[in-house]
Amino acid sequence: MIEHSIPTTRTARYFTSGDTGADEAWLLVHGYGELAADLLANFEHLEDCFFVAPEGLSRFYMDRHRRVGASWMTRENRLNEIRDYLEFLHRVYEDSLSHRRIALNALGFSQGVHTVCRWASRGPQLQRLVLWGSGVPEDLPQDEFATAMKGCRVIVVAGSDDKYFSPADADREWKNLTSIGVDVEVVHYDGGHSIDGRILDRVLNG
């Protein structure tokens, strides 16, 4: 058996909401099993920002076909999947944000944290980067990430009952990022592996 890989073209989607004339924008990267609209729904009450939410390139049925979720990658053929989603995120940025003179921020939730970290390490300058429910991927070179984060404030968010990313994990993330010169703070809250609206408002308006 010989494995072959070829590039192909497909149609991907992203969603936007908020004030198209705002001077601040957020790129929002959802977690495993979510759709872009699921994450974006947490931000729709915020009217003074422009939000862009791309959707993972792989969709699948969940809960016995009752709903559909998406994923950014799996361990199968992972390097090509990473390459593909980085190209996709770059195209989303070019299509929706590159022509705007705005302060650009990004937020990743769960699996989307690894995704947004890889993009941020090679993308445009960010003002803030929020890592909610996970940390910087271990295979991302620390010097590359530290260089990209110059001038960027990194905020790590962890729930007290998050079974995937505990407050102790967040504190270790703070220690590791601080050691390489990244401006980072940690936000703890009472809750599980989900977006908490009260804490979200605090993070975005802080």
N, C-alpha and C. Protein backbone atom coordinates (compact mmCIF):
# COMPACT_ATOMS: atom_id res chain seq x y z
N MET A 1 0.84 -1.19 0.00
CA MET A 1 0.00 0.00 0.00
C MET A 1 0.89 1.25 0.00
N ILE A 2 0.62 2.17 -0.90
CA ILE A 2 1.37 3.42 -1.00
C ILE A 2 0.40 4.58 -0.80
N GLU A 3 0.72 5.44 0.12
CA GLU A 3 -0.12 6.62 0.38
C GLU A 3 0.31 7.77 -0.53
N HIS A 4 -0.68 8.46 -1.10
CA HIS A 4 -0.42 9.62 -1.95
C HIS A 4 -1.20 10.81 -1.40
N SER A 5 -0.67 12.00 -1.59
CA SER A 5 -1.36 13.22 -1.17
C SER A 5 -1.37 14.20 -2.33
N ILE A 6 -2.53 14.81 -2.56
CA ILE A 6 -2.65 15.83 -3.59
C ILE A 6 -3.43 17.02 -3.02
N PRO A 7 -3.09 18.25 -3.41
CA PRO A 7 -3.91 19.39 -2.99
C PRO A 7 -5.23 19.40 -3.75
N THR A 8 -6.26 19.90 -3.12
CA THR A 8 -7.57 19.97 -3.77
C THR A 8 -8.27 21.26 -3.34
N THR A 9 -9.27 21.65 -4.07
CA THR A 9 -10.02 22.86 -3.76
C THR A 9 -11.37 22.48 -3.18
N ARG A 10 -11.76 23.13 -2.10
CA ARG A 10 -13.08 22.91 -1.52
C ARG A 10 -13.64 24.24 -1.05
N THR A 11 -14.93 24.26 -0.78
CA THR A 11 -15.58 25.48 -0.32
C THR A 11 -15.71 25.43 1.19
N ALA A 12 -15.14 26.41 1.85
CA ALA A 12 -15.20 26.50 3.30
C ALA A 12 -15.98 27.77 3.67
N ARG A 13 -16.38 27.84 4.91
CA ARG A 13 -17.20 29.00 5.29
C ARG A 13 -16.71 29.65 6.58
N TYR A 14 -17.09 30.92 6.72
CA TYR A 14 -16.88 31.64 7.97
C TYR A 14 -18.05 32.59 8.18
N PHE A 15 -18.23 33.01 9.43
CA PHE A 15 -19.34 33.87 9.79
C PHE A 15 -18.81 35.18 10.38
N THR A 16 -19.59 36.23 10.24
CA THR A 16 -19.23 37.51 10.83
C THR A 16 -20.43 38.07 11.59
N SER A 17 -20.15 38.92 12.56
CA SER A 17 -21.21 39.64 13.26
C SER A 17 -20.61 40.89 13.89
N GLY A 18 -21.47 41.75 14.40
CA GLY A 18 -21.00 42.96 15.06
C GLY A 18 -20.96 44.16 14.15
N ASP A 19 -20.21 45.14 14.58
CA ASP A 19 -20.13 46.43 13.91
C ASP A 19 -19.04 46.39 12.84
N THR A 20 -19.44 46.46 11.59
CA THR A 20 -18.46 46.41 10.50
C THR A 20 -17.57 47.65 10.47
N GLY A 21 -17.99 48.71 11.14
CA GLY A 21 -17.18 49.93 11.18
C GLY A 21 -16.38 50.08 12.47
N ALA A 22 -16.35 49.04 13.27
CA ALA A 22 -15.65 49.11 14.56
C ALA A 22 -14.15 49.24 14.35
N ASP A 23 -13.47 49.77 15.36
CA ASP A 23 -12.01 49.91 15.28
C ASP A 23 -11.30 48.74 15.97
N GLU A 24 -12.06 47.70 16.33
CA GLU A 24 -11.48 46.51 16.95
C GLU A 24 -12.16 45.27 16.39
N ALA A 25 -11.38 44.24 16.11
CA ALA A 25 -11.93 43.00 15.56
C ALA A 25 -11.36 41.80 16.29
N TRP A 26 -12.14 40.71 16.28
CA TRP A 26 -11.73 39.45 16.89
C TRP A 26 -11.90 38.32 15.89
N LEU A 27 -10.86 37.51 15.75
CA LEU A 27 -10.96 36.25 15.03
C LEU A 27 -11.25 35.17 16.07
N LEU A 28 -12.33 34.44 15.89
CA LEU A 28 -12.80 33.46 16.88
C LEU A 28 -12.67 32.05 16.30
N VAL A 29 -11.98 31.17 17.02
CA VAL A 29 -11.72 29.82 16.52
C VAL A 29 -12.35 28.82 17.47
N HIS A 30 -13.34 28.10 16.98
CA HIS A 30 -14.16 27.22 17.81
C HIS A 30 -13.43 25.94 18.21
N GLY A 31 -14.05 25.20 19.12
CA GLY A 31 -13.48 23.96 19.61
C GLY A 31 -13.98 22.74 18.87
N TYR A 32 -13.47 21.58 19.28
CA TYR A 32 -13.84 20.31 18.67
C TYR A 32 -15.34 20.04 18.87
N GLY A 33 -16.00 19.65 17.79
CA GLY A 33 -17.42 19.32 17.87
C GLY A 33 -18.35 20.50 17.82
N GLU A 34 -17.82 21.70 17.72
CA GLU A 34 -18.65 22.90 17.56
C GLU A 34 -18.74 23.28 16.08
N LEU A 35 -19.64 24.18 15.79
CA LEU A 35 -19.65 24.90 14.53
C LEU A 35 -19.29 26.35 14.83
N ALA A 36 -18.88 27.06 13.80
CA ALA A 36 -18.48 28.45 14.00
C ALA A 36 -19.59 29.28 14.63
N ALA A 37 -20.83 29.04 14.21
CA ALA A 37 -21.96 29.80 14.75
C ALA A 37 -22.17 29.53 16.23
N ASP A 38 -21.80 28.34 16.70
CA ASP A 38 -21.94 28.02 18.13
C ASP A 38 -21.08 28.95 18.97
N LEU A 39 -19.84 29.13 18.56
CA LEU A 39 -18.95 30.02 19.31
C LEU A 39 -19.36 31.47 19.14
N LEU A 40 -19.69 31.84 17.93
CA LEU A 40 -20.03 33.24 17.65
C LEU A 40 -21.26 33.69 18.43
N ALA A 41 -22.17 32.77 18.73
CA ALA A 41 -23.39 33.13 19.47
C ALA A 41 -23.08 33.74 20.83
N ASN A 42 -21.92 33.40 21.40
CA ASN A 42 -21.53 33.96 22.70
C ASN A 42 -21.16 35.43 22.61
N PHE A 43 -20.95 35.95 21.41
CA PHE A 43 -20.44 37.31 21.22
C PHE A 43 -21.47 38.25 20.62
N GLU A 44 -22.64 37.75 20.28
CA GLU A 44 -23.59 38.57 19.51
C GLU A 44 -24.16 39.75 20.29
N HIS A 45 -24.07 39.72 21.62
CA HIS A 45 -24.57 40.84 22.40
C HIS A 45 -23.57 42.00 22.45
N LEU A 46 -22.37 41.77 21.93
CA LEU A 46 -21.33 42.80 21.95
C LEU A 46 -21.38 43.55 20.62
N GLU A 47 -21.65 44.83 20.69
CA GLU A 47 -21.94 45.59 19.48
C GLU A 47 -20.82 46.51 19.03
N ASP A 48 -19.78 46.67 19.84
CA ASP A 48 -18.75 47.64 19.50
C ASP A 48 -17.51 47.00 18.90
N CYS A 49 -17.61 45.73 18.47
CA CYS A 49 -16.50 45.02 17.83
C CYS A 49 -17.01 44.32 16.58
N PHE A 50 -16.08 43.93 15.74
CA PHE A 50 -16.39 43.14 14.56
C PHE A 50 -15.81 41.74 14.80
N PHE A 51 -16.63 40.70 14.60
CA PHE A 51 -16.22 39.33 14.90
C PHE A 51 -16.22 38.48 13.63
N VAL A 52 -15.18 37.68 13.50
CA VAL A 52 -15.04 36.77 12.36
C VAL A 52 -14.79 35.36 12.90
N ALA A 53 -15.64 34.42 12.50
CA ALA A 53 -15.55 33.06 13.02
C ALA A 53 -15.47 32.04 11.88
N PRO A 54 -14.27 31.56 11.58
CA PRO A 54 -14.12 30.51 10.56
C PRO A 54 -14.56 29.16 11.13
N GLU A 55 -14.90 28.25 10.24
CA GLU A 55 -15.36 26.92 10.65
C GLU A 55 -14.39 25.85 10.20
N GLY A 56 -14.13 24.90 11.10
CA GLY A 56 -13.22 23.80 10.79
C GLY A 56 -13.59 23.08 9.50
N LEU A 57 -12.60 22.58 8.81
CA LEU A 57 -12.79 22.02 7.47
C LEU A 57 -13.40 20.63 7.47
N SER A 58 -13.47 19.98 8.62
CA SER A 58 -14.03 18.63 8.68
C SER A 58 -15.27 18.63 9.56
N ARG A 59 -16.42 18.29 8.98
CA ARG A 59 -17.67 18.20 9.75
C ARG A 59 -18.07 16.74 9.91
N PHE A 60 -18.85 16.48 10.95
CA PHE A 60 -19.29 15.10 11.21
C PHE A 60 -20.55 15.13 12.06
N TYR A 61 -21.30 14.03 12.01
CA TYR A 61 -22.51 13.92 12.81
C TYR A 61 -22.16 13.59 14.26
N MET A 62 -22.96 14.15 15.18
CA MET A 62 -22.78 13.90 16.60
C MET A 62 -24.14 13.55 17.21
N ASP A 63 -24.11 12.95 18.39
CA ASP A 63 -25.34 12.64 19.12
C ASP A 63 -26.35 11.89 18.25
N ARG A 64 -25.86 10.80 17.64
CA ARG A 64 -26.71 9.97 16.79
C ARG A 64 -27.40 10.78 15.70
N HIS A 65 -26.63 11.60 15.05
CA HIS A 65 -27.07 12.40 13.90
C HIS A 65 -28.00 13.54 14.28
N ARG A 66 -28.13 13.85 15.57
CA ARG A 66 -29.02 14.95 15.96
C ARG A 66 -28.38 16.31 15.71
N ARG A 67 -27.07 16.38 15.70
CA ARG A 67 -26.43 17.65 15.40
C ARG A 67 -25.11 17.40 14.67
N VAL A 68 -24.56 18.47 14.13
CA VAL A 68 -23.32 18.40 13.35
C VAL A 68 -22.26 19.21 14.06
N GLY A 69 -21.06 18.67 14.13
CA GLY A 69 -19.93 19.40 14.68
C GLY A 69 -18.81 19.46 13.66
N ALA A 70 -17.78 20.20 13.99
CA ALA A 70 -16.63 20.33 13.08
C ALA A 70 -15.34 20.17 13.88
N SER A 71 -14.29 19.83 13.17
CA SER A 71 -12.97 19.64 13.78
C SER A 71 -11.92 20.32 12.91
N TRP A 72 -10.85 20.78 13.57
CA TRP A 72 -9.74 21.39 12.84
C TRP A 72 -8.74 20.35 12.37
N MET A 73 -8.60 19.26 13.11
CA MET A 73 -7.64 18.23 12.72
C MET A 73 -7.83 17.02 13.62
N THR A 74 -7.22 15.92 13.22
CA THR A 74 -7.06 14.74 14.07
C THR A 74 -5.59 14.32 13.97
N ARG A 75 -5.25 13.25 14.64
CA ARG A 75 -3.88 12.76 14.53
C ARG A 75 -3.61 12.09 13.18
N GLU A 76 -4.67 11.76 12.43
CA GLU A 76 -4.50 11.14 11.12
C GLU A 76 -4.13 12.21 10.10
N ASN A 77 -3.00 12.04 9.44
CA ASN A 77 -2.55 12.97 8.39
C ASN A 77 -2.48 14.41 8.94
N ARG A 78 -2.01 14.53 10.18
CA ARG A 78 -2.14 15.80 10.91
C ARG A 78 -1.35 16.94 10.30
N LEU A 79 -0.16 16.68 9.76
CA LEU A 79 0.64 17.78 9.23
C LEU A 79 -0.02 18.42 8.02
N ASN A 80 -0.63 17.61 7.17
CA ASN A 80 -1.35 18.17 6.04
C ASN A 80 -2.60 18.92 6.50
N GLU A 81 -3.27 18.39 7.52
CA GLU A 81 -4.46 19.09 8.03
C GLU A 81 -4.08 20.43 8.64
N ILE A 82 -2.97 20.47 9.37
CA ILE A 82 -2.50 21.74 9.92
C ILE A 82 -2.18 22.72 8.80
N ARG A 83 -1.48 22.24 7.80
CA ARG A 83 -1.13 23.10 6.66
C ARG A 83 -2.39 23.64 5.98
N ASP A 84 -3.39 22.79 5.83
CA ASP A 84 -4.63 23.20 5.17
C ASP A 84 -5.38 24.24 5.99
N TYR A 85 -5.49 24.03 7.31
CA TYR A 85 -6.28 25.00 8.06
C TYR A 85 -5.53 26.32 8.24
N LEU A 86 -4.20 26.29 8.26
CA LEU A 86 -3.47 27.55 8.31
C LEU A 86 -3.68 28.36 7.03
N GLU A 87 -3.69 27.69 5.91
CA GLU A 87 -3.97 28.38 4.64
C GLU A 87 -5.39 28.93 4.64
N PHE A 88 -6.33 28.15 5.15
CA PHE A 88 -7.72 28.60 5.23
C PHE A 88 -7.85 29.84 6.12
N LEU A 89 -7.25 29.81 7.31
CA LEU A 89 -7.34 30.96 8.21
C LEU A 89 -6.69 32.19 7.60
N HIS A 90 -5.60 31.98 6.88
CA HIS A 90 -4.96 33.11 6.20
C HIS A 90 -5.91 33.70 5.16
N ARG A 91 -6.62 32.86 4.44
CA ARG A 91 -7.56 33.36 3.43
C ARG A 91 -8.74 34.07 4.07
N VAL A 92 -9.21 33.57 5.20
CA VAL A 92 -10.28 34.26 5.92
C VAL A 92 -9.82 35.65 6.34
N TYR A 93 -8.61 35.72 6.88
CA TYR A 93 -8.06 37.02 7.27
C TYR A 93 -7.96 37.96 6.07
N GLU A 94 -7.45 37.47 4.98
CA GLU A 94 -7.30 38.31 3.78
C GLU A 94 -8.66 38.78 3.27
N ASP A 95 -9.67 37.92 3.36
CA ASP A 95 -10.98 38.25 2.82
C ASP A 95 -11.76 39.21 3.70
N SER A 96 -11.58 39.09 5.02
CA SER A 96 -12.47 39.83 5.93
C SER A 96 -11.79 40.91 6.76
N LEU A 97 -10.48 40.84 6.94
CA LEU A 97 -9.84 41.71 7.91
C LEU A 97 -8.64 42.49 7.39
N SER A 98 -7.95 42.00 6.39
CA SER A 98 -6.67 42.59 6.00
C SER A 98 -6.80 44.02 5.50
N HIS A 99 -7.97 44.37 4.96
CA HIS A 99 -8.15 45.71 4.39
C HIS A 99 -8.64 46.73 5.42
N ARG A 100 -8.82 46.30 6.66
CA ARG A 100 -9.35 47.18 7.70
C ARG A 100 -8.21 47.72 8.58
N ARG A 101 -8.27 48.97 8.93
CA ARG A 101 -7.31 49.55 9.86
C ARG A 101 -7.90 49.46 11.26
N ILE A 102 -7.68 48.33 11.90
CA ILE A 102 -8.29 48.05 13.18
C ILE A 102 -7.30 47.34 14.09
N ALA A 103 -7.61 47.36 15.38
CA ALA A 103 -6.85 46.56 16.33
C ALA A 103 -7.36 45.12 16.22
N LEU A 104 -6.46 44.20 15.97
CA LEU A 104 -6.85 42.81 15.72
C LEU A 104 -6.53 41.94 16.93
N ASN A 105 -7.52 41.15 17.34
CA ASN A 105 -7.37 40.21 18.45
C ASN A 105 -7.82 38.83 17.97
N ALA A 106 -7.51 37.82 18.76
CA ALA A 106 -7.96 36.46 18.42
C ALA A 106 -8.28 35.70 19.69
N LEU A 107 -9.23 34.79 19.58
CA LEU A 107 -9.62 33.92 20.69
C LEU A 107 -9.82 32.51 20.17
N GLY A 108 -9.23 31.56 20.87
CA GLY A 108 -9.46 30.16 20.56
C GLY A 108 -10.07 29.47 21.77
N PHE A 109 -10.99 28.56 21.50
CA PHE A 109 -11.60 27.78 22.57
C PHE A 109 -11.29 26.30 22.35
N SER A 110 -10.82 25.63 23.40
CA SER A 110 -10.57 24.19 23.37
C SER A 110 -9.61 23.82 22.24
N GLN A 111 -10.02 22.94 21.31
CA GLN A 111 -9.14 22.58 20.20
C GLN A 111 -8.75 23.81 19.38
N GLY A 112 -9.61 24.80 19.38
CA GLY A 112 -9.31 26.02 18.64
C GLY A 112 -8.14 26.80 19.18
N VAL A 113 -7.73 26.51 20.44
CA VAL A 113 -6.56 27.18 21.01
C VAL A 113 -5.30 26.78 20.25
N HIS A 114 -5.09 25.49 20.04
CA HIS A 114 -3.93 25.04 19.28
C HIS A 114 -3.96 25.64 17.87
N THR A 115 -5.16 25.64 17.29
CA THR A 115 -5.31 26.16 15.93
C THR A 115 -4.93 27.63 15.86
N VAL A 116 -5.49 28.43 16.77
CA VAL A 116 -5.24 29.87 16.70
C VAL A 116 -3.79 30.20 17.08
N CYS A 117 -3.18 29.41 17.96
CA CYS A 117 -1.77 29.65 18.30
C CYS A 117 -0.87 29.45 17.09
N ARG A 118 -1.12 28.39 16.35
CA ARG A 118 -0.30 28.14 15.15
C ARG A 118 -0.49 29.25 14.13
N TRP A 119 -1.73 29.71 13.97
CA TRP A 119 -1.98 30.80 13.02
C TRP A 119 -1.34 32.09 13.52
N ALA A 120 -1.50 32.39 14.80
CA ALA A 120 -0.96 33.64 15.35
C ALA A 120 0.55 33.70 15.27
N SER A 121 1.21 32.55 15.32
CA SER A 121 2.67 32.54 15.26
C SER A 121 3.19 32.91 13.88
N ARG A 122 2.30 32.88 12.87
CA ARG A 122 2.71 33.20 11.50
C ARG A 122 1.85 34.28 10.87
N GLY A 123 0.88 34.78 11.62
CA GLY A 123 -0.07 35.73 11.07
C GLY A 123 0.25 37.17 11.38
N PRO A 124 -0.74 38.04 11.26
CA PRO A 124 -0.55 39.47 11.50
C PRO A 124 -0.36 39.77 12.98
N GLN A 125 0.07 40.97 13.28
CA GLN A 125 0.27 41.39 14.67
C GLN A 125 -1.06 41.44 15.40
N LEU A 126 -1.09 40.82 16.58
CA LEU A 126 -2.29 40.83 17.42
C LEU A 126 -2.09 41.75 18.62
N GLN A 127 -3.19 42.33 19.08
CA GLN A 127 -3.17 43.10 20.32
C GLN A 127 -3.39 42.19 21.52
N ARG A 128 -4.35 41.28 21.38
CA ARG A 128 -4.65 40.32 22.44
C ARG A 128 -4.91 38.95 21.84
N LEU A 129 -4.51 37.92 22.58
CA LEU A 129 -4.75 36.54 22.18
C LEU A 129 -5.30 35.81 23.41
N VAL A 130 -6.52 35.30 23.30
CA VAL A 130 -7.17 34.60 24.42
C VAL A 130 -7.14 33.10 24.16
N LEU A 131 -6.59 32.37 25.12
CA LEU A 131 -6.50 30.92 25.04
C LEU A 131 -7.45 30.35 26.09
N TRP A 132 -8.63 29.90 25.65
CA TRP A 132 -9.68 29.50 26.58
C TRP A 132 -9.82 27.97 26.56
N GLY A 133 -9.45 27.34 27.66
CA GLY A 133 -9.65 25.91 27.80
C GLY A 133 -8.56 25.04 27.21
N SER A 134 -7.42 25.61 26.90
CA SER A 134 -6.26 24.83 26.43
C SER A 134 -5.06 25.77 26.39
N GLY A 135 -3.89 25.19 26.04
CA GLY A 135 -2.67 25.98 26.02
C GLY A 135 -1.97 25.91 24.68
N VAL A 136 -0.82 26.52 24.60
CA VAL A 136 -0.01 26.54 23.38
C VAL A 136 0.41 25.10 23.05
N PRO A 137 0.27 24.67 21.80
CA PRO A 137 0.67 23.29 21.46
C PRO A 137 2.15 23.05 21.71
N GLU A 138 2.45 21.86 22.19
CA GLU A 138 3.83 21.56 22.58
C GLU A 138 4.77 21.54 21.38
N ASP A 139 4.27 21.24 20.19
CA ASP A 139 5.15 21.16 19.03
C ASP A 139 5.36 22.50 18.33
N LEU A 140 4.77 23.57 18.87
CA LEU A 140 5.00 24.90 18.31
C LEU A 140 6.29 25.46 18.90
N PRO A 141 7.29 25.77 18.08
CA PRO A 141 8.56 26.26 18.63
C PRO A 141 8.37 27.48 19.53
N GLN A 142 8.93 27.41 20.73
CA GLN A 142 8.73 28.49 21.70
C GLN A 142 9.28 29.82 21.22
N ASP A 143 10.43 29.79 20.55
CA ASP A 143 11.01 31.05 20.09
C ASP A 143 10.14 31.69 19.01
N GLU A 144 9.55 30.85 18.16
CA GLU A 144 8.66 31.36 17.11
C GLU A 144 7.42 32.01 17.72
N PHE A 145 6.84 31.36 18.72
CA PHE A 145 5.65 31.92 19.35
C PHE A 145 5.98 33.19 20.13
N ALA A 146 7.09 33.17 20.86
CA ALA A 146 7.49 34.34 21.64
C ALA A 146 7.72 35.55 20.75
N THR A 147 8.37 35.34 19.60
CA THR A 147 8.61 36.44 18.67
C THR A 147 7.30 37.01 18.14
N ALA A 148 6.37 36.13 17.81
CA ALA A 148 5.08 36.58 17.27
C ALA A 148 4.26 37.33 18.31
N MET A 149 4.49 37.03 19.59
CA MET A 149 3.70 37.64 20.66
C MET A 149 4.28 38.95 21.18
N LYS A 150 5.34 39.43 20.58
CA LYS A 150 5.88 40.73 20.98
C LYS A 150 4.81 41.80 20.79
N GLY A 151 4.49 42.51 21.84
CA GLY A 151 3.46 43.54 21.75
C GLY A 151 2.05 43.02 21.90
N CYS A 152 1.90 41.72 22.13
CA CYS A 152 0.58 41.11 22.28
C CYS A 152 0.38 40.67 23.72
N ARG A 153 -0.81 40.87 24.23
CA ARG A 153 -1.17 40.42 25.58
C ARG A 153 -1.88 39.08 25.46
N VAL A 154 -1.35 38.05 26.10
CA VAL A 154 -1.94 36.71 26.05
C VAL A 154 -2.71 36.47 27.34
N ILE A 155 -3.95 36.01 27.20
CA ILE A 155 -4.81 35.75 28.35
C ILE A 155 -5.22 34.28 28.31
N VAL A 156 -4.87 33.55 29.36
CA VAL A 156 -5.20 32.13 29.48
C VAL A 156 -6.38 31.99 30.43
N VAL A 157 -7.44 31.31 29.99
CA VAL A 157 -8.67 31.21 30.77
C VAL A 157 -8.95 29.75 31.10
N ALA A 158 -9.24 29.46 32.37
CA ALA A 158 -9.49 28.08 32.79
C ALA A 158 -10.61 28.04 33.82
N GLY A 159 -11.52 27.09 33.65
CA GLY A 159 -12.61 26.89 34.60
C GLY A 159 -12.21 25.95 35.72
N SER A 160 -12.80 26.16 36.90
CA SER A 160 -12.44 25.35 38.06
C SER A 160 -12.80 23.88 37.88
N ASP A 161 -13.81 23.59 37.06
CA ASP A 161 -14.26 22.21 36.84
C ASP A 161 -13.99 21.74 35.42
N ASP A 162 -13.05 22.37 34.75
CA ASP A 162 -12.71 21.97 33.39
C ASP A 162 -11.89 20.68 33.43
N LYS A 163 -12.45 19.60 32.90
CA LYS A 163 -11.76 18.31 32.96
C LYS A 163 -10.68 18.17 31.90
N TYR A 164 -10.62 19.10 30.97
CA TYR A 164 -9.61 19.06 29.92
C TYR A 164 -8.44 20.01 30.18
N PHE A 165 -8.70 21.11 30.89
CA PHE A 165 -7.68 22.13 31.11
C PHE A 165 -7.95 22.76 32.46
N SER A 166 -7.24 22.30 33.46
CA SER A 166 -7.51 22.70 34.84
C SER A 166 -6.84 24.03 35.18
N PRO A 167 -7.22 24.64 36.30
CA PRO A 167 -6.51 25.84 36.76
C PRO A 167 -5.01 25.59 36.94
N ALA A 168 -4.65 24.38 37.38
CA ALA A 168 -3.22 24.06 37.52
C ALA A 168 -2.53 24.05 36.16
N ASP A 169 -3.23 23.55 35.14
CA ASP A 169 -2.68 23.59 33.78
C ASP A 169 -2.47 25.03 33.33
N ALA A 170 -3.42 25.88 33.64
CA ALA A 170 -3.31 27.30 33.27
C ALA A 170 -2.14 27.97 33.97
N ASP A 171 -1.94 27.63 35.22
CA ASP A 171 -0.82 28.22 35.95
C ASP A 171 0.52 27.76 35.38
N ARG A 172 0.60 26.50 34.97
CA ARG A 172 1.83 26.01 34.30
C ARG A 172 2.03 26.73 32.99
N GLU A 173 0.95 27.00 32.29
CA GLU A 173 1.04 27.74 31.02
C GLU A 173 1.59 29.14 31.28
N TRP A 174 1.11 29.78 32.34
CA TRP A 174 1.61 31.11 32.70
C TRP A 174 3.11 31.05 32.96
N LYS A 175 3.55 30.06 33.71
CA LYS A 175 4.97 29.93 34.04
C LYS A 175 5.80 29.73 32.78
N ASN A 176 5.36 28.85 31.90
CA ASN A 176 6.11 28.57 30.67
C ASN A 176 6.19 29.79 29.77
N LEU A 177 5.06 30.48 29.59
CA LEU A 177 5.05 31.63 28.69
C LEU A 177 5.82 32.80 29.27
N THR A 178 5.71 32.98 30.56
CA THR A 178 6.48 34.05 31.21
C THR A 178 7.98 33.82 31.05
N SER A 179 8.38 32.57 31.11
CA SER A 179 9.81 32.25 31.02
C SER A 179 10.40 32.57 29.66
N ILE A 180 9.56 32.67 28.62
CA ILE A 180 10.07 32.99 27.28
C ILE A 180 9.74 34.44 26.90
N GLY A 181 9.32 35.21 27.90
CA GLY A 181 9.14 36.64 27.67
C GLY A 181 7.79 37.07 27.14
N VAL A 182 6.78 36.20 27.22
CA VAL A 182 5.45 36.55 26.74
C VAL A 182 4.68 37.28 27.84
N ASP A 183 3.99 38.35 27.47
CA ASP A 183 3.12 39.09 28.41
C ASP A 183 1.84 38.30 28.58
N VAL A 184 1.67 37.64 29.73
CA VAL A 184 0.55 36.71 29.90
C VAL A 184 -0.10 36.89 31.27
N GLU A 185 -1.40 36.70 31.29
CA GLU A 185 -2.13 36.66 32.54
C GLU A 185 -3.09 35.46 32.51
N VAL A 186 -3.47 35.00 33.69
CA VAL A 186 -4.37 33.86 33.82
C VAL A 186 -5.67 34.32 34.47
N VAL A 187 -6.78 33.86 33.92
CA VAL A 187 -8.10 34.15 34.48
C VAL A 187 -8.74 32.83 34.88
N HIS A 188 -9.07 32.69 36.16
CA HIS A 188 -9.79 31.52 36.66
C HIS A 188 -11.26 31.88 36.85
N TYR A 189 -12.14 30.91 36.67
CA TYR A 189 -13.56 31.15 36.94
C TYR A 189 -14.20 29.84 37.40
N ASP A 190 -15.35 29.95 38.02
CA ASP A 190 -16.09 28.78 38.46
C ASP A 190 -16.92 28.25 37.29
N GLY A 191 -16.55 27.07 36.82
CA GLY A 191 -17.28 26.50 35.68
C GLY A 191 -16.48 25.41 35.02
N GLY A 192 -17.07 24.85 33.98
CA GLY A 192 -16.45 23.75 33.28
C GLY A 192 -15.85 24.15 31.95
N HIS A 193 -15.85 23.19 31.01
CA HIS A 193 -15.22 23.39 29.70
C HIS A 193 -16.22 24.06 28.76
N SER A 194 -16.44 25.35 28.99
CA SER A 194 -17.40 26.11 28.20
C SER A 194 -17.10 27.59 28.34
N ILE A 195 -17.70 28.38 27.46
CA ILE A 195 -17.54 29.83 27.52
C ILE A 195 -18.51 30.39 28.55
N ASP A 196 -17.98 31.09 29.52
CA ASP A 196 -18.78 31.74 30.54
C ASP A 196 -18.98 33.21 30.13
N GLY A 197 -20.24 33.61 29.95
CA GLY A 197 -20.53 34.93 29.43
C GLY A 197 -20.01 36.06 30.28
N ARG A 198 -20.11 35.93 31.59
CA ARG A 198 -19.63 36.98 32.49
C ARG A 198 -18.12 37.16 32.39
N ILE A 199 -17.42 36.04 32.36
CA ILE A 199 -15.97 36.10 32.24
C ILE A 199 -15.56 36.58 30.85
N LEU A 200 -16.33 36.18 29.84
CA LEU A 200 -16.03 36.64 28.48
C LEU A 200 -16.08 38.16 28.40
N ASP A 201 -17.13 38.75 28.98
CA ASP A 201 -17.22 40.21 28.96
C ASP A 201 -16.05 40.84 29.68
N ARG A 202 -15.64 40.24 30.77
CA ARG A 202 -14.50 40.77 31.54
C ARG A 202 -13.22 40.71 30.72
N VAL A 203 -13.01 39.58 30.03
CA VAL A 203 -11.79 39.42 29.25
C VAL A 203 -11.75 40.38 28.07
N LEU A 204 -12.88 40.50 27.37
CA LEU A 204 -12.90 41.35 26.19
C LEU A 204 -12.85 42.83 26.52
N ASN A 205 -13.39 43.21 27.65
CA ASN A 205 -13.44 44.62 28.01
C ASN A 205 -12.35 45.03 28.97
N GLY A 206 -11.50 44.07 29.38
CA GLY A 206 -10.46 44.36 30.35
C GLY A 206 -9.25 45.04 29.73
